[in-house]
Amino acid sequence: MNSELLLQRINTLPDSLQMLVFGYVDFLTESYTKIVSKETQKQQQDEISPEIKALLDKRIGDYTQNPEKAVSWEEVKTKFNKKHGYVI
């Protein structure tokens, strides 16, 4: 949007309405800042740490080199249930 055109239109308004526009713009700015802040925090929480990424890369490498050593989820559950006596 053309900011000069917007300013020209706002300047045609009486002072009392200009103050309302200012208040509304201030409200929108604060709301937008809060939304962006929450999204940034969520993105940071969703990021994988370098340590976890390195561990996953190592495990993928191990699997790629020796896929026959992989254990199925069913095998893991069975072994866990036998060891701990309850079902996962």
Protein backbone atom coordinates (compact mmCIF):
# COMPACT_ATOMS: atom_id res chain seq x y z
CA MET A 1 0.00 0.00 0.00
CA ASN A 2 1.17 3.53 -0.72
CA SER A 3 2.01 5.12 2.65
CA GLU A 4 1.87 8.69 1.26
CA LEU A 5 -1.72 8.18 0.09
CA LEU A 6 -2.61 6.73 3.48
CA LEU A 7 -1.06 9.71 5.29
CA GLN A 8 -2.89 12.15 3.02
CA ARG A 9 -6.21 10.51 3.81
CA ILE A 10 -5.50 10.41 7.54
CA ASN A 11 -4.54 14.12 7.48
CA THR A 12 -7.97 14.97 6.02
CA LEU A 13 -9.64 13.57 9.13
CA PRO A 14 -10.42 15.69 12.20
CA ASP A 15 -7.91 15.46 15.05
CA SER A 16 -10.22 13.33 17.19
CA LEU A 17 -10.48 10.69 14.42
CA GLN A 18 -6.75 10.87 13.76
CA MET A 19 -6.20 9.93 17.41
CA LEU A 20 -8.56 6.95 16.98
CA VAL A 21 -6.63 5.86 13.87
CA PHE A 22 -3.37 6.20 15.80
CA GLY A 23 -4.79 4.11 18.65
CA TYR A 24 -5.96 1.45 16.22
CA VAL A 25 -2.63 1.33 14.41
CA ASP A 26 -0.86 1.08 17.78
CA PHE A 27 -3.17 -1.80 18.75
CA LEU A 28 -2.50 -3.60 15.45
CA THR A 29 1.26 -3.14 15.83
CA GLU A 30 1.25 -4.58 19.36
CA SER A 31 -0.95 -7.51 18.30
CA TYR A 32 1.25 -8.26 15.30
CA THR A 33 4.39 -8.11 17.45
CA LYS A 34 2.89 -10.61 19.91
CA ILE A 35 1.90 -12.98 17.11
CA VAL A 36 5.34 -12.83 15.52
CA SER A 37 6.97 -13.36 18.91
CA LYS A 38 4.85 -16.46 19.59
CA GLU A 39 5.61 -17.87 16.13
CA THR A 40 9.33 -17.27 16.64
CA GLN A 41 9.25 -19.02 20.03
CA LYS A 42 7.37 -21.96 18.50
CA GLN A 43 9.92 -22.25 15.69
CA GLN A 44 12.77 -22.19 18.20
CA GLN A 45 11.08 -24.91 20.26
CA ASP A 46 10.59 -27.03 17.15
CA GLU A 47 14.23 -26.82 16.09
CA ILE A 48 16.47 -29.82 16.65
CA SER A 49 19.56 -29.17 18.73
CA PRO A 50 22.96 -29.81 17.07
CA GLU A 51 23.58 -32.69 19.49
CA ILE A 52 20.31 -34.44 18.61
CA LYS A 53 20.90 -33.84 14.89
CA ALA A 54 24.38 -35.37 15.17
CA LEU A 55 22.95 -38.40 17.01
CA LEU A 56 20.24 -38.89 14.38
CA ASP A 57 22.79 -38.52 11.57
CA LYS A 58 24.98 -41.17 13.23
CA ARG A 59 22.06 -43.55 13.63
CA ILE A 60 20.99 -43.07 10.01
CA GLY A 61 24.58 -43.76 8.96
CA ASP A 62 24.68 -46.90 11.10
CA TYR A 63 21.40 -48.11 9.60
CA THR A 64 22.55 -47.35 6.06
CA GLN A 65 25.74 -49.38 6.57
CA ASN A 66 24.08 -52.27 8.43
CA PRO A 67 20.33 -52.42 7.73
CA GLU A 68 20.22 -56.09 8.78
CA LYS A 69 21.00 -55.06 12.39
CA ALA A 70 17.85 -52.95 12.62
CA VAL A 71 15.19 -54.06 15.10
CA SER A 72 11.48 -53.67 14.33
CA TRP A 73 9.18 -51.70 16.61
CA GLU A 74 7.30 -54.92 17.41
CA GLU A 75 10.55 -56.55 18.60
CA VAL A 76 11.37 -53.53 20.75
CA LYS A 77 7.89 -53.58 22.34
CA THR A 78 8.06 -57.31 23.02
CA LYS A 79 11.49 -57.05 24.64
CA PHE A 80 10.41 -54.03 26.71
CA ASN A 81 7.22 -55.74 27.88
CA LYS A 82 9.12 -58.85 28.94
CA LYS A 83 11.74 -56.83 30.79
CA HIS A 84 9.36 -54.44 32.58
CA GLY A 85 6.21 -56.50 32.85
CA TYR A 86 3.75 -54.12 31.21
CA VAL A 87 2.53 -53.26 27.75
CA ILE A 88 3.52 -50.15 25.79
